[in-house]
């Protein structure tokens, strides 16, 4: 998937849970509860091997709530 975080239309490609976790560091709305949950879930997947689909769902939910443009491929 590709997301657009900045207002300049720059796309960022996310292909793994690690990339999603790194992307969350640049998140525009870090006060949002879905952001906190997505970060927690991504870290749990990376550390404990939780299902990757759970991290993807949490990441997508956080992006949706933050109004981030998502381009699924």
C-alpha atoms as a PDB file:
ATOM      1  CA  UNK A   1       0.000   0.000   0.000  1.00  0.00           C
ATOM      2  CA  UNK A   2       1.025   3.593  -0.403  1.00  0.00           C
ATOM      3  CA  UNK A   3       0.070   6.449   1.889  1.00  0.00           C
ATOM      4  CA  UNK A   4       0.372  10.208   1.684  1.00  0.00           C
ATOM      5  CA  UNK A   5       1.321  11.686   5.063  1.00  0.00           C
ATOM      6  CA  UNK A   6       2.427  15.183   4.159  1.00  0.00           C
ATOM      7  CA  UNK A   7       0.424  17.870   2.438  1.00  0.00           C
ATOM      8  CA  UNK A   8       2.752  17.781  -0.562  1.00  0.00           C
ATOM      9  CA  UNK A   9       1.348  14.562  -2.022  1.00  0.00           C
ATOM     10  CA  UNK A  10       4.517  12.571  -1.430  1.00  0.00           C
ATOM     11  CA  UNK A  11       3.731   8.859  -1.345  1.00  0.00           C
ATOM     12  CA  UNK A  12       5.315   6.453   1.066  1.00  0.00           C
ATOM     13  CA  UNK A  13       5.200   2.761   0.254  1.00  0.00           C
ATOM     14  CA  UNK A  14       4.458   0.414   3.156  1.00  0.00           C
ATOM     15  CA  UNK A  15       5.292  -3.232   2.482  1.00  0.00           C
ATOM     16  CA  UNK A  16       5.903  -4.641   5.948  1.00  0.00           C
ATOM     17  CA  UNK A  17       4.988  -4.297   9.583  1.00  0.00           C
ATOM     18  CA  UNK A  18       8.431  -2.811  10.237  1.00  0.00           C
ATOM     19  CA  UNK A  19       7.838  -0.116   7.611  1.00  0.00           C
ATOM     20  CA  UNK A  20       4.419   0.605   9.112  1.00  0.00           C
ATOM     21  CA  UNK A  21       5.958   0.983  12.574  1.00  0.00           C
ATOM     22  CA  UNK A  22       8.616   3.328  11.159  1.00  0.00           C
ATOM     23  CA  UNK A  23       5.958   5.334   9.336  1.00  0.00           C
ATOM     24  CA  UNK A  24       4.026   5.823  12.561  1.00  0.00           C
ATOM     25  CA  UNK A  25       6.995   7.821  13.887  1.00  0.00           C
ATOM     26  CA  UNK A  26       6.107  10.554  11.345  1.00  0.00           C
ATOM     27  CA  UNK A  27       2.381  10.432  12.065  1.00  0.00           C
ATOM     28  CA  UNK A  28       0.550  13.778  11.959  1.00  0.00           C
ATOM     29  CA  UNK A  29      -1.824  13.025  14.871  1.00  0.00           C
ATOM     30  CA  UNK A  30       0.010  11.213  17.662  1.00  0.00           C
ATOM     31  CA  UNK A  31      -2.678  12.106  20.211  1.00  0.00           C
ATOM     32  CA  UNK A  32      -5.247   9.885  18.526  1.00  0.00           C
ATOM     33  CA  UNK A  33      -6.181   6.627  20.271  1.00  0.00           C
ATOM     34  CA  UNK A  34      -6.062   4.639  17.019  1.00  0.00           C
ATOM     35  CA  UNK A  35      -2.479   5.842  16.456  1.00  0.00           C
ATOM     36  CA  UNK A  36      -1.454   4.541  19.889  1.00  0.00           C
ATOM     37  CA  UNK A  37      -3.164   1.217  19.211  1.00  0.00           C
ATOM     38  CA  UNK A  38      -1.552   0.854  15.782  1.00  0.00           C
ATOM     39  CA  UNK A  39       1.887   1.509  17.234  1.00  0.00           C
ATOM     40  CA  UNK A  40       1.287  -0.994  20.049  1.00  0.00           C
ATOM     41  CA  UNK A  41       0.030  -3.663  17.649  1.00  0.00           C
ATOM     42  CA  UNK A  42       2.871  -3.186  15.168  1.00  0.00           C
ATOM     43  CA  UNK A  43       5.411  -3.532  17.958  1.00  0.00           C
ATOM     44  CA  UNK A  44       3.646  -6.643  19.270  1.00  0.00           C
ATOM     45  CA  UNK A  45       3.781  -8.225  15.820  1.00  0.00           C
ATOM     46  CA  UNK A  46       7.476  -7.420  15.479  1.00  0.00           C
ATOM     47  CA  UNK A  47       8.345  -8.608  18.979  1.00  0.00           C
ATOM     48  CA  UNK A  48       6.038 -11.540  19.623  1.00  0.00           C
ATOM     49  CA  UNK A  49       5.039 -12.636  16.152  1.00  0.00           C
ATOM     50  CA  UNK A  50       1.359 -11.734  16.439  1.00  0.00           C
ATOM     51  CA  UNK A  51      -0.565 -12.046  13.134  1.00  0.00           C
ATOM     52  CA  UNK A  52       0.548  -9.412  10.600  1.00  0.00           C
ATOM     53  CA  UNK A  53      -3.016  -8.857   9.396  1.00  0.00           C
ATOM     54  CA  UNK A  54      -3.842  -7.434  12.846  1.00  0.00           C
ATOM     55  CA  UNK A  55      -1.093  -4.822  12.434  1.00  0.00           C
ATOM     56  CA  UNK A  56      -2.314  -3.990   8.932  1.00  0.00           C
ATOM     57  CA  UNK A  57      -5.884  -3.486  10.145  1.00  0.00           C
ATOM     58  CA  UNK A  58      -4.756  -1.283  13.051  1.00  0.00           C
ATOM     59  CA  UNK A  59      -2.514   0.755  10.749  1.00  0.00           C
ATOM     60  CA  UNK A  60      -5.287   1.276   8.200  1.00  0.00           C
ATOM     61  CA  UNK A  61      -7.731   2.299  10.920  1.00  0.00           C
ATOM     62  CA  UNK A  62      -5.251   4.850  12.303  1.00  0.00           C
ATOM     63  CA  UNK A  63      -4.635   6.224   8.802  1.00  0.00           C
ATOM     64  CA  UNK A  64      -8.363   6.526   8.155  1.00  0.00           C
ATOM     65  CA  UNK A  65      -8.951   8.387  11.429  1.00  0.00           C
ATOM     66  CA  UNK A  66      -6.034  10.725  10.714  1.00  0.00           C
ATOM     67  CA  UNK A  67      -7.430  11.506   7.239  1.00  0.00           C
ATOM     68  CA  UNK A  68      -4.406  10.026   5.511  1.00  0.00           C
ATOM     69  CA  UNK A  69      -4.832   9.077   1.861  1.00  0.00           C
ATOM     70  CA  UNK A  70      -4.351   5.310   1.383  1.00  0.00           C
ATOM     71  CA  UNK A  71      -3.645   3.766  -1.998  1.00  0.00           C
ATOM     72  CA  UNK A  72      -3.946   0.002  -1.826  1.00  0.00           C
ATOM     73  CA  UNK A  73      -2.082  -1.943  -4.451  1.00  0.00           C
END
